[in-house]
Amino acid sequence: MSPERAELVAALVRELRTPLARVSLAAGELEAMALQPALAALARRIDAALRAADSGIERVLALLGARGADPEAAAVDAAEALAALRARVAPALAARGVDWRAPQAPAAPLRLDALRLRRGALCLVRAAARSLPAGGWLRVSPLSGEAGVGLELECAADAGPPTGLASLEMRASAALLGASLELAAAPDTGRARLWLAR
């Protein structure tokens, strides 16, 4: 593919995906903050429709043999992006009895694609919040290792272990992100890793 065509495809992909990603992020935040089950269910339906649209874009790109934009072009400091997302969502989680704790600081600054990082973090936060119906705490931290770079979730319930952390919806969200989901040997220990890039 010529450099001009590659640049055009990248611009088109951004035009198509940016609104979808923004609405998906809003739906994710809405679900994380929802105090009423009906509102959370509506947010999940919106997110499912966005996943279908994103999947359609992916199929069209595959048919065209085109690739998306370089993720490094939109990379942000992972710790700063997580702190900003936490500042917006943590108060609503606290109202539901879930404490979103500050992330563990990475050994070295980590840069990740901004939209993938926020979508990945919300995927983990939603799964953790659902697994803590009676309250507890969660933490999402930047992660770097042999498997690549991504996010690590830790959570614990106030009473008993977290339940249902390894949900089908969480796996579907990870697959949509093109991320690799790694759950603890015993999912009720409340740990998961989402590898966003190799």
N, C-alpha and C. Protein backbone atom coordinates (compact mmCIF):
# COMPACT_ATOMS: atom_id res chain seq x y z
N MET A 1 0.85 -1.17 0.00
CA MET A 1 0.00 0.00 0.00
C MET A 1 0.90 1.24 0.00
N SER A 2 0.56 2.20 -0.83
CA SER A 2 1.37 3.42 -0.93
C SER A 2 1.26 4.25 0.35
N PRO A 3 2.28 5.05 0.67
CA PRO A 3 2.20 5.89 1.89
C PRO A 3 0.99 6.82 1.90
N GLU A 4 0.63 7.35 0.71
CA GLU A 4 -0.53 8.26 0.64
C GLU A 4 -1.82 7.52 0.98
N ARG A 5 -1.94 6.30 0.42
CA ARG A 5 -3.17 5.53 0.68
C ARG A 5 -3.21 5.08 2.15
N ALA A 6 -2.07 4.69 2.69
CA ALA A 6 -2.01 4.28 4.09
C ALA A 6 -2.43 5.44 5.01
N GLU A 7 -1.99 6.64 4.67
CA GLU A 7 -2.34 7.82 5.46
C GLU A 7 -3.84 8.11 5.36
N LEU A 8 -4.40 7.95 4.16
CA LEU A 8 -5.83 8.16 3.95
C LEU A 8 -6.64 7.14 4.75
N VAL A 9 -6.22 5.86 4.70
CA VAL A 9 -6.93 4.81 5.44
C VAL A 9 -6.87 5.10 6.94
N ALA A 10 -5.69 5.50 7.43
CA ALA A 10 -5.56 5.81 8.86
C ALA A 10 -6.50 6.94 9.26
N ALA A 11 -6.60 7.97 8.41
CA ALA A 11 -7.49 9.10 8.70
C ALA A 11 -8.95 8.65 8.71
N LEU A 12 -9.31 7.80 7.74
CA LEU A 12 -10.69 7.30 7.68
C LEU A 12 -11.03 6.44 8.89
N VAL A 13 -10.09 5.59 9.29
CA VAL A 13 -10.31 4.73 10.45
C VAL A 13 -10.52 5.58 11.70
N ARG A 14 -9.70 6.62 11.84
CA ARG A 14 -9.87 7.53 12.98
C ARG A 14 -11.24 8.19 12.95
N GLU A 15 -11.66 8.64 11.76
CA GLU A 15 -12.97 9.29 11.63
C GLU A 15 -14.10 8.34 12.02
N LEU A 16 -13.97 7.06 11.65
CA LEU A 16 -15.00 6.09 11.96
C LEU A 16 -14.98 5.66 13.42
N ARG A 17 -13.78 5.43 13.94
CA ARG A 17 -13.67 4.84 15.27
C ARG A 17 -13.71 5.84 16.42
N THR A 18 -13.30 7.05 16.20
CA THR A 18 -13.24 8.01 17.31
C THR A 18 -14.62 8.24 17.94
N PRO A 19 -15.68 8.51 17.15
CA PRO A 19 -16.99 8.68 17.80
C PRO A 19 -17.46 7.41 18.49
N LEU A 20 -17.21 6.25 17.88
CA LEU A 20 -17.61 4.99 18.52
C LEU A 20 -16.90 4.82 19.85
N ALA A 21 -15.61 5.09 19.85
CA ALA A 21 -14.82 4.92 21.08
C ALA A 21 -15.29 5.89 22.16
N ARG A 22 -15.59 7.12 21.77
CA ARG A 22 -16.05 8.10 22.77
C ARG A 22 -17.39 7.69 23.38
N VAL A 23 -18.31 7.22 22.54
CA VAL A 23 -19.60 6.79 23.07
C VAL A 23 -19.42 5.54 23.93
N SER A 24 -18.54 4.64 23.50
CA SER A 24 -18.26 3.43 24.28
C SER A 24 -17.69 3.78 25.65
N LEU A 25 -16.78 4.73 25.68
CA LEU A 25 -16.22 5.18 26.96
C LEU A 25 -17.31 5.77 27.85
N ALA A 26 -18.18 6.58 27.26
CA ALA A 26 -19.27 7.19 28.03
C ALA A 26 -20.20 6.10 28.57
N ALA A 27 -20.50 5.10 27.74
CA ALA A 27 -21.36 4.00 28.18
C ALA A 27 -20.69 3.22 29.30
N GLY A 28 -19.38 3.01 29.17
CA GLY A 28 -18.64 2.30 30.21
C GLY A 28 -18.65 3.06 31.53
N GLU A 29 -18.45 4.36 31.46
CA GLU A 29 -18.48 5.18 32.68
C GLU A 29 -19.89 5.19 33.27
N LEU A 30 -20.91 5.27 32.40
CA LEU A 30 -22.30 5.26 32.85
C LEU A 30 -22.60 3.97 33.60
N GLU A 31 -22.16 2.83 33.03
CA GLU A 31 -22.42 1.56 33.70
C GLU A 31 -21.68 1.48 35.03
N ALA A 32 -20.42 1.93 35.04
CA ALA A 32 -19.64 1.88 36.28
C ALA A 32 -20.27 2.76 37.37
N MET A 33 -20.90 3.85 36.96
CA MET A 33 -21.48 4.79 37.93
C MET A 33 -22.95 4.52 38.23
N ALA A 34 -23.58 3.64 37.46
CA ALA A 34 -25.04 3.45 37.58
C ALA A 34 -25.41 2.87 38.94
N LEU A 35 -26.35 3.51 39.59
CA LEU A 35 -26.87 3.02 40.87
C LEU A 35 -28.09 2.13 40.65
N GLN A 36 -28.74 2.26 39.49
CA GLN A 36 -29.93 1.47 39.19
C GLN A 36 -29.61 0.39 38.17
N PRO A 37 -30.04 -0.84 38.40
CA PRO A 37 -29.75 -1.94 37.46
C PRO A 37 -30.23 -1.65 36.04
N ALA A 38 -31.37 -0.97 35.89
CA ALA A 38 -31.90 -0.68 34.55
C ALA A 38 -30.95 0.23 33.78
N LEU A 39 -30.35 1.19 34.46
CA LEU A 39 -29.40 2.10 33.81
C LEU A 39 -28.13 1.35 33.40
N ALA A 40 -27.66 0.46 34.26
CA ALA A 40 -26.48 -0.35 33.93
C ALA A 40 -26.78 -1.26 32.73
N ALA A 41 -27.98 -1.83 32.69
CA ALA A 41 -28.36 -2.69 31.57
C ALA A 41 -28.42 -1.90 30.27
N LEU A 42 -28.93 -0.68 30.32
CA LEU A 42 -28.98 0.18 29.13
C LEU A 42 -27.56 0.48 28.64
N ALA A 43 -26.65 0.79 29.56
CA ALA A 43 -25.26 1.07 29.18
C ALA A 43 -24.64 -0.16 28.51
N ARG A 44 -24.95 -1.36 29.02
CA ARG A 44 -24.41 -2.59 28.41
C ARG A 44 -24.97 -2.79 27.01
N ARG A 45 -26.26 -2.46 26.80
CA ARG A 45 -26.85 -2.58 25.45
C ARG A 45 -26.20 -1.61 24.48
N ILE A 46 -25.93 -0.38 24.93
CA ILE A 46 -25.25 0.60 24.08
C ILE A 46 -23.87 0.08 23.72
N ASP A 47 -23.15 -0.44 24.72
CA ASP A 47 -21.79 -0.96 24.47
C ASP A 47 -21.82 -2.13 23.50
N ALA A 48 -22.81 -3.01 23.62
CA ALA A 48 -22.92 -4.16 22.71
C ALA A 48 -23.14 -3.69 21.26
N ALA A 49 -23.98 -2.67 21.09
CA ALA A 49 -24.22 -2.12 19.74
C ALA A 49 -22.95 -1.50 19.18
N LEU A 50 -22.18 -0.83 20.03
CA LEU A 50 -20.92 -0.24 19.59
C LEU A 50 -19.91 -1.31 19.21
N ARG A 51 -19.90 -2.39 19.97
CA ARG A 51 -19.00 -3.52 19.63
C ARG A 51 -19.34 -4.07 18.26
N ALA A 52 -20.63 -4.20 17.99
CA ALA A 52 -21.06 -4.71 16.68
C ALA A 52 -20.60 -3.77 15.57
N ALA A 53 -20.75 -2.46 15.77
CA ALA A 53 -20.31 -1.48 14.77
C ALA A 53 -18.80 -1.55 14.58
N ASP A 54 -18.07 -1.65 15.67
CA ASP A 54 -16.61 -1.72 15.59
C ASP A 54 -16.17 -3.00 14.87
N SER A 55 -16.87 -4.07 15.13
CA SER A 55 -16.58 -5.34 14.47
C SER A 55 -16.82 -5.23 12.96
N GLY A 56 -17.88 -4.50 12.58
CA GLY A 56 -18.15 -4.27 11.16
C GLY A 56 -17.04 -3.48 10.50
N ILE A 57 -16.54 -2.46 11.18
CA ILE A 57 -15.41 -1.69 10.64
C ILE A 57 -14.21 -2.59 10.45
N GLU A 58 -13.96 -3.46 11.43
CA GLU A 58 -12.82 -4.37 11.36
C GLU A 58 -12.95 -5.30 10.15
N ARG A 59 -14.17 -5.79 9.88
CA ARG A 59 -14.37 -6.68 8.73
C ARG A 59 -14.13 -5.95 7.42
N VAL A 60 -14.61 -4.71 7.32
CA VAL A 60 -14.39 -3.90 6.11
C VAL A 60 -12.90 -3.67 5.90
N LEU A 61 -12.19 -3.34 6.97
CA LEU A 61 -10.74 -3.12 6.85
C LEU A 61 -10.03 -4.39 6.41
N ALA A 62 -10.47 -5.53 6.94
CA ALA A 62 -9.86 -6.81 6.55
C ALA A 62 -10.10 -7.09 5.06
N LEU A 63 -11.32 -6.80 4.59
CA LEU A 63 -11.62 -7.01 3.17
C LEU A 63 -10.77 -6.11 2.27
N LEU A 64 -10.52 -4.89 2.76
CA LEU A 64 -9.71 -3.94 1.99
C LEU A 64 -8.22 -4.21 2.12
N GLY A 65 -7.86 -5.07 3.08
CA GLY A 65 -6.45 -5.31 3.33
C GLY A 65 -5.78 -4.08 3.93
N ALA A 66 -6.57 -3.29 4.65
CA ALA A 66 -6.06 -2.03 5.20
C ALA A 66 -5.72 -2.20 6.67
N ARG A 67 -4.85 -1.35 7.15
CA ARG A 67 -4.48 -1.35 8.56
C ARG A 67 -4.87 0.00 9.16
N GLY A 68 -5.08 -0.02 10.47
CA GLY A 68 -5.46 1.21 11.16
C GLY A 68 -4.28 2.11 11.45
N ALA A 69 -4.55 3.15 12.17
CA ALA A 69 -3.52 4.13 12.52
C ALA A 69 -2.52 3.54 13.49
N ASP A 70 -1.34 4.11 13.51
CA ASP A 70 -0.28 3.69 14.42
C ASP A 70 -0.68 4.06 15.84
N PRO A 71 -0.80 3.05 16.76
CA PRO A 71 -1.24 3.36 18.12
C PRO A 71 -0.28 4.28 18.86
N GLU A 72 1.00 4.30 18.48
CA GLU A 72 1.95 5.18 19.15
C GLU A 72 1.60 6.65 18.95
N ALA A 73 0.85 6.94 17.87
CA ALA A 73 0.50 8.33 17.59
C ALA A 73 -0.43 8.89 18.67
N ALA A 74 -1.18 8.01 19.34
CA ALA A 74 -2.13 8.46 20.36
C ALA A 74 -1.75 7.96 21.75
N ALA A 75 -0.46 7.65 21.95
CA ALA A 75 -0.03 7.10 23.24
C ALA A 75 -0.01 8.16 24.32
N VAL A 76 -0.40 7.74 25.54
CA VAL A 76 -0.40 8.64 26.69
C VAL A 76 0.29 7.93 27.85
N ASP A 77 0.67 8.70 28.87
CA ASP A 77 1.23 8.11 30.07
C ASP A 77 0.12 7.33 30.78
N ALA A 78 0.33 6.04 30.97
CA ALA A 78 -0.72 5.16 31.50
C ALA A 78 -1.15 5.57 32.91
N ALA A 79 -0.20 5.91 33.76
CA ALA A 79 -0.54 6.28 35.14
C ALA A 79 -1.40 7.54 35.18
N GLU A 80 -1.05 8.53 34.36
CA GLU A 80 -1.83 9.78 34.33
C GLU A 80 -3.24 9.54 33.80
N ALA A 81 -3.35 8.75 32.74
CA ALA A 81 -4.67 8.48 32.16
C ALA A 81 -5.55 7.71 33.14
N LEU A 82 -4.97 6.76 33.86
CA LEU A 82 -5.74 6.01 34.85
C LEU A 82 -6.18 6.92 35.99
N ALA A 83 -5.31 7.83 36.41
CA ALA A 83 -5.67 8.75 37.49
C ALA A 83 -6.84 9.65 37.07
N ALA A 84 -6.83 10.12 35.83
CA ALA A 84 -7.92 10.98 35.34
C ALA A 84 -9.24 10.21 35.29
N LEU A 85 -9.19 8.97 34.79
CA LEU A 85 -10.41 8.14 34.73
C LEU A 85 -10.91 7.84 36.13
N ARG A 86 -10.01 7.52 37.03
CA ARG A 86 -10.38 7.22 38.42
C ARG A 86 -11.05 8.43 39.07
N ALA A 87 -10.54 9.62 38.82
CA ALA A 87 -11.13 10.82 39.42
C ALA A 87 -12.58 11.01 38.99
N ARG A 88 -12.91 10.61 37.74
CA ARG A 88 -14.28 10.77 37.25
C ARG A 88 -15.22 9.68 37.78
N VAL A 89 -14.73 8.44 37.86
CA VAL A 89 -15.62 7.31 38.14
C VAL A 89 -15.65 6.91 39.62
N ALA A 90 -14.55 7.09 40.34
CA ALA A 90 -14.46 6.61 41.72
C ALA A 90 -15.57 7.12 42.64
N PRO A 91 -15.99 8.39 42.54
CA PRO A 91 -17.06 8.84 43.46
C PRO A 91 -18.36 8.05 43.31
N ALA A 92 -18.71 7.71 42.08
CA ALA A 92 -19.94 6.94 41.88
C ALA A 92 -19.78 5.52 42.40
N LEU A 93 -18.60 4.93 42.23
CA LEU A 93 -18.36 3.60 42.78
C LEU A 93 -18.42 3.64 44.30
N ALA A 94 -17.87 4.70 44.89
CA ALA A 94 -17.87 4.84 46.35
C ALA A 94 -19.31 4.87 46.88
N ALA A 95 -20.21 5.49 46.13
CA ALA A 95 -21.62 5.53 46.53
C ALA A 95 -22.24 4.13 46.56
N ARG A 96 -21.63 3.21 45.82
CA ARG A 96 -22.09 1.81 45.80
C ARG A 96 -21.28 0.94 46.75
N GLY A 97 -20.40 1.57 47.54
CA GLY A 97 -19.62 0.81 48.52
C GLY A 97 -18.35 0.20 47.96
N VAL A 98 -17.92 0.65 46.78
CA VAL A 98 -16.70 0.11 46.16
C VAL A 98 -15.64 1.21 46.12
N ASP A 99 -14.51 0.94 46.75
CA ASP A 99 -13.41 1.91 46.81
C ASP A 99 -12.43 1.62 45.68
N TRP A 100 -12.29 2.58 44.73
CA TRP A 100 -11.31 2.44 43.65
C TRP A 100 -10.02 3.07 44.16
N ARG A 101 -9.09 2.21 44.55
CA ARG A 101 -7.83 2.68 45.13
C ARG A 101 -6.86 3.17 44.06
N ALA A 102 -5.92 4.01 44.50
CA ALA A 102 -4.90 4.54 43.59
C ALA A 102 -4.07 3.38 43.04
N PRO A 103 -3.63 3.49 41.77
CA PRO A 103 -2.86 2.41 41.17
C PRO A 103 -1.46 2.29 41.75
N GLN A 104 -0.89 1.10 41.63
CA GLN A 104 0.52 0.90 41.96
C GLN A 104 1.32 1.61 40.89
N ALA A 105 2.36 2.31 41.28
CA ALA A 105 3.19 3.04 40.31
C ALA A 105 4.06 2.05 39.54
N PRO A 106 4.11 2.16 38.21
CA PRO A 106 4.98 1.27 37.44
C PRO A 106 6.45 1.58 37.71
N ALA A 107 7.31 0.58 37.50
CA ALA A 107 8.75 0.77 37.72
C ALA A 107 9.30 1.87 36.82
N ALA A 108 8.77 1.95 35.61
CA ALA A 108 9.18 2.98 34.65
C ALA A 108 7.93 3.52 33.98
N PRO A 109 7.95 4.78 33.51
CA PRO A 109 6.77 5.32 32.82
C PRO A 109 6.34 4.42 31.67
N LEU A 110 5.05 4.26 31.55
CA LEU A 110 4.48 3.36 30.54
C LEU A 110 3.56 4.16 29.64
N ARG A 111 3.71 4.00 28.33
CA ARG A 111 2.84 4.71 27.39
C ARG A 111 1.97 3.69 26.66
N LEU A 112 0.67 3.99 26.60
CA LEU A 112 -0.29 3.12 25.93
C LEU A 112 -1.24 3.97 25.10
N ASP A 113 -1.86 3.34 24.10
CA ASP A 113 -2.87 4.02 23.29
C ASP A 113 -3.99 4.50 24.22
N ALA A 114 -4.33 5.78 24.13
CA ALA A 114 -5.26 6.41 25.06
C ALA A 114 -6.62 5.72 25.09
N LEU A 115 -7.23 5.50 23.93
CA LEU A 115 -8.57 4.91 23.91
C LEU A 115 -8.56 3.46 24.36
N ARG A 116 -7.55 2.70 23.93
CA ARG A 116 -7.47 1.29 24.36
C ARG A 116 -7.26 1.20 25.87
N LEU A 117 -6.45 2.10 26.40
CA LEU A 117 -6.19 2.09 27.84
C LEU A 117 -7.48 2.36 28.60
N ARG A 118 -8.22 3.41 28.21
CA ARG A 118 -9.46 3.74 28.93
C ARG A 118 -10.51 2.65 28.77
N ARG A 119 -10.62 2.11 27.55
CA ARG A 119 -11.61 1.05 27.34
C ARG A 119 -11.22 -0.20 28.13
N GLY A 120 -9.92 -0.52 28.14
CA GLY A 120 -9.45 -1.67 28.91
C GLY A 120 -9.68 -1.49 30.40
N ALA A 121 -9.37 -0.29 30.90
CA ALA A 121 -9.57 -0.02 32.33
C ALA A 121 -11.04 -0.12 32.70
N LEU A 122 -11.92 0.43 31.87
CA LEU A 122 -13.35 0.36 32.17
C LEU A 122 -13.86 -1.07 32.09
N CYS A 123 -13.32 -1.85 31.19
CA CYS A 123 -13.68 -3.28 31.10
C CYS A 123 -13.37 -3.96 32.44
N LEU A 124 -12.18 -3.70 32.99
CA LEU A 124 -11.78 -4.31 34.26
C LEU A 124 -12.61 -3.76 35.42
N VAL A 125 -12.84 -2.46 35.43
CA VAL A 125 -13.59 -1.83 36.52
C VAL A 125 -15.02 -2.33 36.54
N ARG A 126 -15.66 -2.43 35.36
CA ARG A 126 -17.05 -2.92 35.32
C ARG A 126 -17.12 -4.35 35.85
N ALA A 127 -16.18 -5.21 35.41
CA ALA A 127 -16.18 -6.60 35.86
C ALA A 127 -15.96 -6.67 37.37
N ALA A 128 -15.03 -5.87 37.87
CA ALA A 128 -14.76 -5.88 39.32
C ALA A 128 -15.95 -5.38 40.10
N ALA A 129 -16.56 -4.28 39.65
CA ALA A 129 -17.71 -3.71 40.38
C ALA A 129 -18.86 -4.71 40.44
N ARG A 130 -19.08 -5.45 39.34
CA ARG A 130 -20.15 -6.46 39.33
C ARG A 130 -19.81 -7.62 40.28
N SER A 131 -18.51 -7.89 40.46
CA SER A 131 -18.12 -9.02 41.31
C SER A 131 -18.11 -8.64 42.80
N LEU A 132 -18.39 -7.36 43.10
CA LEU A 132 -18.39 -6.87 44.48
C LEU A 132 -19.76 -6.30 44.84
N PRO A 133 -20.83 -7.09 44.75
CA PRO A 133 -22.17 -6.54 44.98
C PRO A 133 -22.39 -6.00 46.39
N ALA A 134 -21.63 -6.51 47.37
CA ALA A 134 -21.81 -6.04 48.75
C ALA A 134 -20.69 -5.07 49.15
N GLY A 135 -19.94 -4.59 48.17
CA GLY A 135 -18.88 -3.63 48.47
C GLY A 135 -17.51 -4.27 48.54
N GLY A 136 -16.49 -3.43 48.55
CA GLY A 136 -15.11 -3.90 48.59
C GLY A 136 -14.20 -2.85 47.98
N TRP A 137 -13.07 -3.28 47.44
CA TRP A 137 -12.15 -2.33 46.81
C TRP A 137 -11.60 -2.94 45.52
N LEU A 138 -11.13 -2.04 44.65
CA LEU A 138 -10.48 -2.48 43.42
C LEU A 138 -9.31 -1.55 43.14
N ARG A 139 -8.37 -2.04 42.35
CA ARG A 139 -7.23 -1.24 41.92
C ARG A 139 -6.87 -1.68 40.50
N VAL A 140 -6.65 -0.71 39.61
CA VAL A 140 -6.19 -0.98 38.24
C VAL A 140 -4.86 -0.26 38.09
N SER A 141 -3.82 -1.02 37.76
CA SER A 141 -2.47 -0.46 37.66
C SER A 141 -1.86 -0.76 36.30
N PRO A 142 -1.00 0.14 35.80
CA PRO A 142 -0.26 -0.15 34.57
C PRO A 142 0.67 -1.34 34.82
N LEU A 143 0.90 -2.10 33.77
CA LEU A 143 1.66 -3.34 33.90
C LEU A 143 2.59 -3.52 32.71
N SER A 144 3.80 -3.93 32.98
CA SER A 144 4.77 -4.23 31.93
C SER A 144 5.44 -5.55 32.29
N GLY A 145 5.58 -6.42 31.30
CA GLY A 145 6.21 -7.73 31.55
C GLY A 145 6.58 -8.40 30.25
N GLU A 146 6.94 -9.66 30.34
CA GLU A 146 7.35 -10.42 29.15
C GLU A 146 6.23 -10.52 28.13
N ALA A 147 4.99 -10.52 28.61
CA ALA A 147 3.84 -10.64 27.70
C ALA A 147 3.50 -9.32 27.02
N GLY A 148 4.12 -8.22 27.44
CA GLY A 148 3.85 -6.92 26.82
C GLY A 148 3.53 -5.86 27.85
N VAL A 149 2.62 -4.96 27.48
CA VAL A 149 2.18 -3.91 28.39
C VAL A 149 0.66 -3.94 28.49
N GLY A 150 0.16 -3.56 29.64
CA GLY A 150 -1.28 -3.60 29.82
C GLY A 150 -1.69 -3.10 31.19
N LEU A 151 -2.73 -3.73 31.73
CA LEU A 151 -3.31 -3.30 33.00
C LEU A 151 -3.51 -4.51 33.90
N GLU A 152 -3.34 -4.29 35.19
CA GLU A 152 -3.57 -5.35 36.17
C GLU A 152 -4.68 -4.93 37.10
N LEU A 153 -5.63 -5.84 37.31
CA LEU A 153 -6.75 -5.61 38.23
C LEU A 153 -6.53 -6.42 39.49
N GLU A 154 -6.73 -5.77 40.63
CA GLU A 154 -6.80 -6.46 41.92
C GLU A 154 -8.10 -6.00 42.56
N CYS A 155 -8.83 -6.91 43.17
CA CYS A 155 -10.05 -6.51 43.87
C CYS A 155 -10.32 -7.49 45.00
N ALA A 156 -11.04 -7.00 46.00
CA ALA A 156 -11.41 -7.84 47.14
C ALA A 156 -12.76 -7.38 47.65
N ALA A 157 -13.58 -8.36 48.02
CA ALA A 157 -14.92 -8.06 48.55
C ALA A 157 -14.85 -7.86 50.06
N ASP A 158 -15.79 -7.08 50.58
CA ASP A 158 -15.87 -6.89 52.03
C ASP A 158 -16.22 -8.19 52.74
N ALA A 159 -17.04 -9.00 52.09
CA ALA A 159 -17.47 -10.27 52.68
C ALA A 159 -17.30 -11.38 51.66
N GLY A 160 -16.35 -12.28 51.91
CA GLY A 160 -16.11 -13.40 50.99
C GLY A 160 -15.35 -12.96 49.77
N PRO A 161 -15.05 -13.92 48.88
CA PRO A 161 -14.29 -13.58 47.67
C PRO A 161 -15.18 -12.90 46.62
N PRO A 162 -14.55 -12.16 45.67
CA PRO A 162 -15.33 -11.60 44.56
C PRO A 162 -15.99 -12.73 43.77
N THR A 163 -17.17 -12.48 43.22
CA THR A 163 -17.88 -13.52 42.49
C THR A 163 -18.07 -13.14 41.03
N GLY A 164 -17.82 -14.08 40.13
CA GLY A 164 -18.11 -13.87 38.71
C GLY A 164 -17.18 -12.92 37.99
N LEU A 165 -15.93 -12.80 38.45
CA LEU A 165 -15.00 -11.88 37.81
C LEU A 165 -14.73 -12.28 36.35
N ALA A 166 -14.65 -13.57 36.10
CA ALA A 166 -14.34 -14.06 34.76
C ALA A 166 -15.60 -14.17 33.91
N SER A 167 -16.31 -13.07 33.75
CA SER A 167 -17.57 -13.10 33.03
C SER A 167 -17.35 -13.19 31.52
N LEU A 168 -18.36 -13.70 30.84
CA LEU A 168 -18.32 -13.77 29.38
C LEU A 168 -18.21 -12.37 28.79
N GLU A 169 -18.89 -11.40 29.42
CA GLU A 169 -18.86 -10.03 28.93
C GLU A 169 -17.44 -9.45 29.01
N MET A 170 -16.73 -9.77 30.08
CA MET A 170 -15.36 -9.29 30.24
C MET A 170 -14.47 -9.90 29.16
N ARG A 171 -14.66 -11.17 28.89
CA ARG A 171 -13.87 -11.84 27.84
C ARG A 171 -14.18 -11.23 26.47
N ALA A 172 -15.45 -10.93 26.23
CA ALA A 172 -15.86 -10.33 24.95
C ALA A 172 -15.25 -8.94 24.80
N SER A 173 -15.25 -8.16 25.88
CA SER A 173 -14.65 -6.82 25.83
C SER A 173 -13.17 -6.90 25.53
N ALA A 174 -12.49 -7.85 26.15
CA ALA A 174 -11.05 -8.04 25.90
C ALA A 174 -10.81 -8.42 24.45
N ALA A 175 -11.64 -9.32 23.93
CA ALA A 175 -11.49 -9.76 22.54
C ALA A 175 -11.71 -8.60 21.58
N LEU A 176 -12.70 -7.76 21.86
CA LEU A 176 -12.97 -6.61 21.01
C LEU A 176 -11.78 -5.65 20.99
N LEU A 177 -11.12 -5.51 22.12
CA LEU A 177 -9.95 -4.64 22.20
C LEU A 177 -8.72 -5.27 21.53
N GLY A 178 -8.82 -6.54 21.17
CA GLY A 178 -7.65 -7.24 20.64
C GLY A 178 -6.64 -7.48 21.74
N ALA A 179 -7.14 -7.55 22.99
CA ALA A 179 -6.27 -7.72 24.15
C ALA A 179 -6.28 -9.17 24.61
N SER A 180 -5.25 -9.53 25.33
CA SER A 180 -5.15 -10.87 25.89
C SER A 180 -5.51 -10.79 27.37
N LEU A 181 -6.50 -11.56 27.77
CA LEU A 181 -6.97 -11.56 29.15
C LEU A 181 -6.36 -12.73 29.90
N GLU A 182 -5.74 -12.44 31.03
CA GLU A 182 -5.12 -13.48 31.85
C GLU A 182 -5.75 -13.41 33.23
N LEU A 183 -6.44 -14.46 33.61
CA LEU A 183 -7.09 -14.49 34.92
C LEU A 183 -6.24 -15.31 35.89
N ALA A 184 -6.36 -15.01 37.18
CA ALA A 184 -5.65 -15.78 38.19
C ALA A 184 -6.12 -17.23 38.13
N ALA A 185 -5.28 -18.15 38.59
CA ALA A 185 -5.62 -19.58 38.55
C ALA A 185 -6.99 -19.82 39.20
N ALA A 186 -7.26 -19.11 40.27
CA ALA A 186 -8.57 -19.18 40.91
C ALA A 186 -9.21 -17.80 40.74
N PRO A 187 -10.15 -17.64 39.79
CA PRO A 187 -10.74 -16.32 39.51
C PRO A 187 -11.34 -15.62 40.73
N ASP A 188 -11.72 -16.40 41.77
CA ASP A 188 -12.30 -15.75 42.95
C ASP A 188 -11.24 -15.07 43.82
N THR A 189 -9.97 -15.09 43.39
CA THR A 189 -8.94 -14.36 44.14
C THR A 189 -8.96 -12.88 43.77
N GLY A 190 -9.69 -12.52 42.73
CA GLY A 190 -9.84 -11.11 42.39
C GLY A 190 -8.65 -10.50 41.69
N ARG A 191 -7.99 -11.25 40.81
CA ARG A 191 -6.85 -10.71 40.06
C ARG A 191 -7.02 -11.05 38.59
N ALA A 192 -6.68 -10.09 37.73
CA ALA A 192 -6.73 -10.31 36.29
C ALA A 192 -5.72 -9.38 35.63
N ARG A 193 -5.21 -9.80 34.50
CA ARG A 193 -4.30 -8.97 33.71
C ARG A 193 -4.85 -8.85 32.29
N LEU A 194 -4.83 -7.65 31.78
CA LEU A 194 -5.30 -7.37 30.43
C LEU A 194 -4.10 -6.83 29.65
N TRP A 195 -3.56 -7.67 28.76
CA TRP A 195 -2.38 -7.27 27.98
C TRP A 195 -2.87 -6.56 26.73
N LEU A 196 -2.57 -5.27 26.63
CA LEU A 196 -3.08 -4.45 25.52
C LEU A 196 -2.14 -4.40 24.33
N ALA A 197 -0.86 -4.59 24.55
CA ALA A 197 0.12 -4.53 23.44
C ALA A 197 1.30 -5.40 23.77
N ARG A 198 1.87 -6.01 22.74
CA ARG A 198 3.06 -6.87 22.93
C ARG A 198 4.31 -6.06 22.86
